[in-house]
Amino acid sequence: MELQLRHLRQLCVIADTGSLNKAATILGLPQPALSRQIRRLEDLFGGTLFERDQYGTRPTSLGSAVLDHAETILHSFDDFGEQLRDYRTLRHRTLRIGWAHSVLIEPLLSSLRRLAADERMQIVAPNSTRELMDLVRAGEVDIALRDHASTNGPLPSGDSTINYIPWAESPVLVAMAADHRLAVVERLTMADLAGEDWISCTGPDACDEELRRICASYGFAPRITHDIGVSGPRGQVIRYQGCLALAQAHRPVEPGVVHRFVADLDMRVIHLVAYRGWTASLMPKLVTLLSAAWSEQAPLVELS
């Protein structure tokens, strides 16, 4: 007789129930058949595994030693089975990717393609970071790109649902028309921008409030003359209306628009990966791939 995993499970069920009859019912075996199986196992181990009295069935000293090993073996085997099921799930389920208005979509998609070539990907692109994170929290998005302005305080902390990993930073510049009078100023400061018209974004992410807060820290209130969505025609409005807007350094520059470094604007955007649940095992490699893609991306502006 060769020892098999099912034999170890039978021993554990008997020990847990303290009854051959109850164990036989749970295992779906006739009680006599289970008794014969135990006798064969006792022959294999060279001694009595259980003793029976008016209080039920209890393991002997030998039985207790066998059960200790059996539980360890079964626990390891069950863990392996769970990891195997997770691996199969990882290979065959849909990976739902989300972002609101990140400028780093291409590095993300390139990295995910190299990370999980067999995955079916579904793209979710809501209109705000708040909506995006609600979708992650609700389990409708698995991995999301989120930007966090350094002026907004500490990085968001994870909770029981969402985890965050920072992986890159971008400076914040000012976008203006190429023929704007300030476009040729050698060294710009926030004071130079105090009297200009500004573009902001209204909506759940409160971008207009953030712009007011930033400018107030430099001693002026911005004159916001246009409210335009991040995906709206900001470039055209900047070009033809002569207004300014804050922009990440890696946001593509549209024709007729330039990005200028502001010497005393101490602001940057921290790029985060937000993830949940089963995608945790993907994160170390994904962050490595994202960082590599980031370092390979040519800078879009001279920071001097």
Protein backbone atom coordinates (compact mmCIF):
# COMPACT_ATOMS: atom_id res chain seq x y z
CA MET A 1 0.00 0.00 0.00
CA GLU A 2 1.30 3.43 -0.92
CA LEU A 3 0.47 6.45 1.23
CA GLN A 4 -1.64 9.06 -0.61
CA LEU A 5 -2.93 12.53 0.22
CA ARG A 6 -6.48 11.20 0.54
CA HIS A 7 -5.30 8.89 3.32
CA LEU A 8 -3.90 11.88 5.24
CA ARG A 9 -7.16 13.76 4.79
CA GLN A 10 -9.09 10.78 6.12
CA LEU A 11 -6.92 10.70 9.25
CA CYS A 12 -7.43 14.43 9.81
CA VAL A 13 -11.22 14.16 9.44
CA ILE A 14 -11.35 11.34 11.95
CA ALA A 15 -9.26 13.33 14.44
CA ASP A 16 -11.38 16.49 13.90
CA THR A 17 -14.72 14.72 14.35
CA GLY A 18 -13.64 12.28 17.04
CA SER A 19 -15.90 9.67 15.47
CA LEU A 20 -15.47 7.08 12.74
CA ASN A 21 -19.19 7.29 11.91
CA LYS A 22 -19.14 11.08 11.53
CA ALA A 23 -15.90 10.96 9.55
CA ALA A 24 -17.33 8.31 7.23
CA THR A 25 -20.38 10.50 6.57
CA ILE A 26 -18.23 13.55 5.79
CA LEU A 27 -15.92 11.53 3.56
CA GLY A 28 -18.82 9.79 1.79
CA LEU A 29 -17.60 6.32 2.74
CA PRO A 30 -19.33 3.40 4.46
CA GLN A 31 -18.09 3.15 8.04
CA PRO A 32 -16.76 -0.43 7.59
CA ALA A 33 -14.76 0.67 4.55
CA LEU A 34 -13.19 3.53 6.50
CA SER A 35 -12.33 1.16 9.38
CA ARG A 36 -10.58 -1.22 6.95
CA GLN A 37 -8.68 1.73 5.51
CA ILE A 38 -7.46 2.77 8.96
CA ARG A 39 -6.25 -0.80 9.69
CA ARG A 40 -4.25 -0.81 6.45
CA LEU A 41 -2.72 2.56 7.41
CA GLU A 42 -1.85 1.20 10.86
CA ASP A 43 -0.07 -1.71 9.18
CA LEU A 44 1.81 0.80 7.05
CA PHE A 45 2.85 2.99 10.02
CA GLY A 46 3.54 0.03 12.29
CA GLY A 47 1.19 0.78 15.14
CA THR A 48 -2.26 1.84 16.31
CA LEU A 49 -3.30 5.33 15.15
CA PHE A 50 -6.60 5.70 17.01
CA GLU A 51 -8.14 4.27 20.15
CA ARG A 52 -11.88 4.06 20.76
CA ASP A 53 -13.80 4.29 24.02
CA GLN A 54 -17.14 5.58 25.29
CA TYR A 55 -15.98 9.15 24.59
CA GLY A 56 -15.25 8.57 20.91
CA THR A 57 -12.18 8.07 18.75
CA ARG A 58 -8.90 9.69 19.81
CA PRO A 59 -5.41 9.59 18.26
CA THR A 60 -2.72 7.58 20.00
CA SER A 61 0.81 8.95 20.49
CA LEU A 62 1.75 7.52 17.12
CA GLY A 63 -1.45 8.89 15.63
CA SER A 64 -0.72 12.37 16.97
CA ALA A 65 2.78 12.30 15.45
CA VAL A 66 1.37 11.18 12.08
CA LEU A 67 -1.35 13.84 12.23
CA ASP A 68 1.21 16.61 12.88
CA HIS A 69 3.02 15.68 9.67
CA ALA A 70 -0.26 15.13 7.80
CA GLU A 71 -1.54 18.61 8.65
CA THR A 72 1.74 20.22 7.55
CA ILE A 73 1.73 18.30 4.27
CA LEU A 74 -1.93 19.05 3.55
CA HIS A 75 -1.51 22.73 4.40
CA SER A 76 1.43 23.04 2.01
CA PHE A 77 -0.44 21.17 -0.70
CA ASP A 78 -3.55 23.32 -0.27
CA ASP A 79 -1.42 26.49 -0.43
CA PHE A 80 0.14 25.22 -3.65
CA GLY A 81 -3.30 24.51 -5.08
CA GLU A 82 -4.48 28.00 -4.21
CA GLN A 83 -1.41 29.56 -5.84
CA LEU A 84 -2.03 27.45 -8.93
CA ARG A 85 -5.66 28.60 -9.09
CA ASP A 86 -4.52 32.23 -8.71
CA TYR A 87 -2.01 31.73 -11.52
CA ARG A 88 -4.67 30.31 -13.80
CA THR A 89 -6.98 33.18 -12.92
CA LEU A 90 -4.21 35.66 -13.61
CA ARG A 91 -3.66 34.18 -17.06
CA HIS A 92 -7.27 34.03 -18.15
CA ARG A 93 -9.22 36.86 -16.57
CA THR A 94 -9.73 40.37 -17.90
CA LEU A 95 -7.33 43.00 -16.59
CA ARG A 96 -9.23 46.27 -16.15
CA ILE A 97 -7.01 49.34 -16.49
CA GLY A 98 -8.08 52.88 -15.61
CA TRP A 99 -6.89 56.46 -15.66
CA ALA A 100 -8.55 59.86 -15.51
CA HIS A 101 -6.16 62.34 -17.11
CA SER A 102 -2.68 60.92 -16.72
CA VAL A 103 -0.06 61.93 -19.29
CA LEU A 104 1.72 58.58 -18.88
CA ILE A 105 -0.75 56.29 -20.62
CA GLU A 106 1.75 55.01 -23.20
CA PRO A 107 4.35 53.82 -20.64
CA LEU A 108 1.55 52.04 -18.75
CA LEU A 109 0.12 50.26 -21.78
CA SER A 110 3.59 49.34 -23.04
CA SER A 111 4.53 47.93 -19.64
CA LEU A 112 1.30 45.98 -19.26
CA ARG A 113 1.73 44.45 -22.69
CA ARG A 114 5.15 43.13 -21.68
CA LEU A 115 3.90 42.07 -18.26
CA ALA A 116 0.75 40.15 -19.21
CA ALA A 117 0.78 39.43 -22.91
CA ASP A 118 -1.96 36.80 -22.55
CA GLU A 119 -4.34 39.06 -20.68
CA ARG A 120 -7.46 40.53 -22.18
CA MET A 121 -7.41 44.21 -21.23
CA GLN A 122 -10.35 46.50 -20.71
CA ILE A 123 -9.73 50.26 -20.61
CA VAL A 124 -11.77 52.51 -18.28
CA ALA A 125 -11.27 56.28 -18.57
CA PRO A 126 -13.58 58.29 -16.28
CA ASN A 127 -13.64 62.09 -16.15
CA SER A 128 -12.06 62.59 -12.73
CA THR A 129 -9.60 61.05 -10.30
CA ARG A 130 -12.34 60.84 -7.70
CA GLU A 131 -14.55 58.80 -10.01
CA LEU A 132 -11.58 56.61 -10.98
CA MET A 133 -10.77 55.74 -7.38
CA ASP A 134 -14.43 55.02 -6.66
CA LEU A 135 -14.31 52.46 -9.48
CA VAL A 136 -11.15 50.86 -8.05
CA ARG A 137 -12.74 50.73 -4.60
CA ALA A 138 -15.88 49.14 -6.05
CA GLY A 139 -13.84 46.43 -7.78
CA GLU A 140 -14.59 47.66 -11.30
CA VAL A 141 -10.96 48.66 -12.05
CA ASP A 142 -7.95 46.49 -11.13
CA ILE A 143 -5.02 48.83 -11.86
CA ALA A 144 -5.17 52.61 -12.17
CA LEU A 145 -2.81 55.50 -12.82
CA ARG A 146 -3.25 58.32 -10.35
CA ASP A 147 -1.43 61.65 -10.15
CA HIS A 148 -0.85 63.44 -6.86
CA ALA A 149 0.27 67.07 -6.66
CA SER A 150 3.00 67.67 -4.09
CA THR A 151 1.08 70.74 -2.90
CA ASN A 152 -1.81 68.49 -1.85
CA GLY A 153 0.03 67.15 1.18
CA PRO A 154 1.06 63.55 1.96
CA LEU A 155 0.61 60.77 -0.56
CA PRO A 156 -2.69 58.88 -0.30
CA SER A 157 -2.33 55.91 2.01
CA GLY A 158 -3.65 52.48 1.18
CA ASP A 159 -6.60 50.89 2.92
CA SER A 160 -8.22 47.48 3.00
CA THR A 161 -9.27 47.91 -0.64
CA ILE A 162 -6.66 50.01 -2.45
CA ASN A 163 -2.86 50.06 -2.34
CA TYR A 164 -0.56 52.68 -3.89
CA ILE A 165 2.99 52.58 -5.22
CA PRO A 166 4.75 55.81 -6.35
CA TRP A 167 6.99 55.25 -9.35
CA ALA A 168 7.86 58.61 -10.99
CA GLU A 169 7.69 62.38 -10.58
CA SER A 170 7.15 65.22 -13.04
CA PRO A 171 7.80 68.94 -12.55
CA VAL A 172 4.88 71.32 -13.06
CA LEU A 173 5.40 74.05 -15.65
CA VAL A 174 3.27 76.82 -17.09
CA ALA A 175 1.78 76.54 -20.58
CA MET A 176 1.43 79.71 -22.66
CA ALA A 177 1.14 80.81 -26.26
CA ALA A 178 4.42 80.75 -28.15
CA ASP A 179 3.95 84.45 -29.00
CA HIS A 180 3.06 85.47 -25.43
CA ARG A 181 5.26 88.27 -24.13
CA LEU A 182 6.45 86.07 -21.25
CA ALA A 183 7.52 83.25 -23.56
CA VAL A 184 10.86 84.95 -24.17
CA VAL A 185 11.57 86.06 -20.60
CA GLU A 186 14.82 84.43 -19.53
CA ARG A 187 13.81 83.67 -15.94
CA LEU A 188 10.14 83.44 -15.02
CA THR A 189 8.82 83.67 -11.47
CA MET A 190 5.31 83.35 -10.10
CA ALA A 191 5.23 87.13 -9.56
CA ASP A 192 5.55 87.56 -13.35
CA LEU A 193 2.31 85.57 -13.78
CA ALA A 194 0.19 87.41 -11.23
CA GLY A 195 -1.64 89.68 -13.68
CA GLU A 196 -2.35 87.06 -16.36
CA ASP A 197 -5.55 85.26 -17.35
CA TRP A 198 -5.69 81.59 -16.33
CA ILE A 199 -7.37 78.38 -17.46
CA SER A 200 -8.59 75.96 -14.82
CA CYS A 201 -10.74 72.85 -14.65
CA THR A 202 -13.94 72.65 -12.66
CA GLY A 203 -15.33 69.35 -11.50
CA PRO A 204 -15.01 66.69 -8.81
CA ASP A 205 -11.21 67.02 -8.54
CA ALA A 206 -11.47 70.73 -7.58
CA CYS A 207 -8.61 71.86 -9.84
CA ASP A 208 -9.74 75.48 -9.67
CA GLU A 209 -9.47 75.43 -5.87
CA GLU A 210 -5.98 73.98 -6.12
CA LEU A 211 -4.90 76.71 -8.55
CA ARG A 212 -6.22 79.41 -6.19
CA ARG A 213 -4.42 77.83 -3.26
CA ILE A 214 -1.11 77.63 -5.13
CA CYS A 215 -1.26 81.22 -6.35
CA ALA A 216 -2.32 82.47 -2.89
CA SER A 217 0.90 81.03 -1.46
CA TYR A 218 2.73 83.43 -3.83
CA GLY A 219 0.65 86.42 -2.79
CA PHE A 220 -1.93 86.78 -5.57
CA ALA A 221 -5.34 85.54 -6.64
CA PRO A 222 -5.40 84.10 -10.18
CA ARG A 223 -7.81 85.66 -12.64
CA ILE A 224 -9.52 82.50 -13.94
CA THR A 225 -11.20 83.38 -17.22
CA HIS A 226 -11.73 79.90 -18.69
CA ASP A 227 -12.90 76.58 -17.24
CA ILE A 228 -12.00 73.73 -19.58
CA GLY A 229 -11.81 69.98 -19.04
CA VAL A 230 -8.42 68.30 -19.13
CA SER A 231 -9.34 66.61 -22.40
CA GLY A 232 -10.86 69.85 -23.78
CA PRO A 233 -9.30 72.32 -26.26
CA ARG A 234 -6.90 73.91 -23.78
CA GLY A 235 -4.14 74.30 -26.35
CA GLN A 236 -6.32 76.29 -28.73
CA VAL A 237 -7.64 78.52 -25.95
CA ILE A 238 -4.10 79.18 -24.68
CA ARG A 239 -2.92 79.95 -28.18
CA TYR A 240 -5.73 82.29 -29.23
CA GLN A 241 -6.85 83.78 -25.92
CA GLY A 242 -3.40 84.34 -24.44
CA CYS A 243 -4.16 82.64 -21.09
CA LEU A 244 -1.92 80.47 -18.97
CA ALA A 245 -2.35 77.01 -17.46
CA LEU A 246 -0.32 74.77 -15.22
CA ALA A 247 0.88 71.65 -17.01
CA GLN A 248 2.97 68.57 -16.33
CA ALA A 249 6.33 68.55 -18.06
CA HIS A 250 5.50 65.43 -20.07
CA ARG A 251 2.13 66.60 -21.32
CA PRO A 252 2.40 66.87 -25.11
CA VAL A 253 2.85 70.44 -26.33
CA GLU A 254 0.35 71.51 -28.99
CA PRO A 255 1.29 73.72 -31.95
CA GLY A 256 1.59 77.37 -30.99
CA VAL A 257 2.01 76.55 -27.27
CA VAL A 258 5.18 76.37 -25.17
CA HIS A 259 5.94 75.07 -21.68
CA ARG A 260 8.08 77.30 -19.48
CA PHE A 261 9.89 76.51 -16.27
CA VAL A 262 8.97 78.79 -13.37
CA ALA A 263 11.98 79.30 -11.11
CA ASP A 264 10.15 79.54 -7.79
CA LEU A 265 7.24 77.19 -8.48
CA ASP A 266 8.03 74.39 -6.05
CA MET A 267 5.49 71.92 -7.35
CA ARG A 268 5.69 68.48 -8.87
CA VAL A 269 3.32 65.63 -9.68
CA ILE A 270 3.93 62.22 -8.16
CA HIS A 271 2.73 59.39 -10.37
CA LEU A 272 1.16 56.46 -8.52
CA VAL A 273 -0.07 53.02 -9.44
CA ALA A 274 -3.23 52.13 -7.55
CA TYR A 275 -4.14 48.46 -7.41
CA ARG A 276 -6.35 46.00 -5.62
CA GLY A 277 -6.80 42.31 -4.90
CA TRP A 278 -5.38 39.72 -7.25
CA THR A 279 -3.11 42.17 -9.12
CA ALA A 280 -0.76 42.55 -6.11
CA SER A 281 1.53 39.83 -7.52
CA LEU A 282 1.95 41.87 -10.72
CA MET A 283 3.11 45.04 -8.99
CA PRO A 284 6.88 44.48 -8.46
CA LYS A 285 7.47 43.70 -12.11
CA LEU A 286 5.01 46.34 -13.33
CA VAL A 287 6.72 49.10 -11.35
CA THR A 288 10.11 47.97 -12.71
CA LEU A 289 8.76 48.09 -16.27
CA LEU A 290 7.11 51.48 -15.72
CA SER A 291 10.31 52.96 -14.30
CA ALA A 292 12.28 51.65 -17.25
CA ALA A 293 9.75 53.08 -19.72
CA TRP A 294 9.87 56.40 -17.86
CA SER A 295 13.67 56.61 -18.01
CA GLU A 296 13.62 55.85 -21.74
CA GLN A 297 11.07 58.59 -22.45
CA ALA A 298 12.76 61.67 -23.89
CA PRO A 299 12.17 64.86 -21.87
CA LEU A 300 9.68 67.19 -23.50
CA VAL A 301 11.05 70.43 -22.06
CA GLU A 302 14.34 72.02 -21.06
CA LEU A 303 14.34 72.59 -17.30
CA SER A 304 16.80 75.46 -17.12
